[in-house]
Amino acid sequence: MTFSDGLQAFIAEEVTRESIDTLLEKAEAVRYGSADVTYSGNAFLVTFVADTAVLRHHHVADWPEVRVPLAEFIQRLRAWAE
């Protein structure tokens, strides 16, 4: 699975008006120097590490870990929010 496919699945299953601000806040915090941060949602666990968002599905055992460049993650979530 490409990171783009994984990110699209994440956005479709996890991102809501309620979660978008928290996700962007955590991603931006890591981007600007905070230590590793996690977000646990209904379907996904996201670990923000340095310049990467690591997506893991809570409920699908064979869903591969997806590593998304942090800048791409932030850009796609901002586009979703508009």
Protein backbone atom coordinates (compact mmCIF):
# COMPACT_ATOMS: atom_id res chain seq x y z
CA MET A 1 0.00 0.00 0.00
CA THR A 2 1.39 3.41 -0.92
CA PHE A 3 1.43 6.15 1.69
CA SER A 4 -1.07 8.06 -0.46
CA ASP A 5 -3.53 5.12 -0.41
CA GLY A 6 -3.06 4.68 3.33
CA LEU A 7 -3.55 8.37 3.98
CA GLN A 8 -6.72 8.41 1.89
CA ALA A 9 -8.09 5.45 3.85
CA PHE A 10 -7.20 7.18 7.11
CA ILE A 11 -8.95 10.39 6.06
CA ALA A 12 -12.05 8.50 4.93
CA GLU A 13 -12.34 6.42 8.12
CA GLU A 14 -10.96 8.64 10.86
CA VAL A 15 -11.05 12.34 10.09
CA THR A 16 -14.08 14.27 11.29
CA ARG A 17 -14.86 17.88 12.14
CA GLU A 18 -14.28 16.88 15.75
CA SER A 19 -10.85 15.28 15.18
CA ILE A 20 -9.29 17.59 12.59
CA ASP A 21 -8.12 20.30 15.00
CA THR A 22 -6.52 17.79 17.36
CA LEU A 23 -4.77 15.96 14.53
CA LEU A 24 -3.38 19.18 13.05
CA GLU A 25 -2.34 20.48 16.47
CA LYS A 26 -0.39 17.30 17.24
CA ALA A 27 1.23 17.19 13.78
CA GLU A 28 2.27 20.85 14.00
CA ALA A 29 3.67 20.36 17.51
CA VAL A 30 6.01 17.63 16.28
CA ARG A 31 6.89 19.63 13.20
CA TYR A 32 8.08 22.46 15.46
CA GLY A 33 10.11 20.36 17.84
CA SER A 34 7.89 18.55 20.34
CA ALA A 35 8.81 15.01 21.24
CA ASP A 36 6.96 12.11 19.66
CA VAL A 37 3.18 12.47 19.98
CA THR A 38 0.36 9.97 19.47
CA TYR A 39 -3.30 10.23 18.52
CA SER A 40 -5.66 7.34 19.11
CA GLY A 41 -8.95 7.57 17.27
CA ASN A 42 -11.84 5.24 16.55
CA ALA A 43 -10.11 3.32 13.76
CA PHE A 44 -6.45 4.41 13.76
CA LEU A 45 -3.46 5.04 15.96
CA VAL A 46 -1.21 7.80 14.62
CA THR A 47 2.30 8.27 15.93
CA PHE A 48 3.97 11.51 14.91
CA VAL A 49 7.74 11.02 14.85
CA ALA A 50 10.16 13.70 13.58
CA ASP A 51 9.02 14.28 9.99
CA THR A 52 6.65 11.31 9.67
CA ALA A 53 3.09 10.35 10.61
CA VAL A 54 2.87 6.59 11.18
CA LEU A 55 -0.64 5.21 10.65
CA ARG A 56 -1.76 1.91 12.20
CA HIS A 57 -5.29 0.52 11.99
CA HIS A 58 -6.85 -0.55 15.32
CA HIS A 59 -9.22 -3.17 13.88
CA VAL A 60 -7.74 -4.59 10.67
CA ALA A 61 -4.98 -7.03 11.59
CA ASP A 62 -3.35 -7.23 8.16
CA TRP A 63 -3.51 -3.50 7.45
CA PRO A 64 0.11 -2.47 6.88
CA GLU A 65 1.78 0.28 8.87
CA VAL A 66 1.82 3.37 6.65
CA ARG A 67 4.48 6.09 6.94
CA VAL A 68 3.39 9.46 5.58
CA PRO A 69 5.73 12.45 5.30
CA LEU A 70 4.54 14.93 7.93
CA ALA A 71 4.31 17.83 5.47
CA GLU A 72 2.04 15.75 3.19
CA PHE A 73 -0.09 14.67 6.16
CA ILE A 74 -0.61 18.28 7.25
CA GLN A 75 -1.28 19.48 3.70
CA ARG A 76 -3.92 16.80 3.04
CA LEU A 77 -5.68 17.39 6.36
CA ARG A 78 -5.76 21.15 5.77
CA ALA A 79 -7.23 20.53 2.30
CA TRP A 80 -9.89 18.28 3.85
CA ALA A 81 -10.78 21.00 6.37
CA GLU A 82 -11.42 23.62 3.67
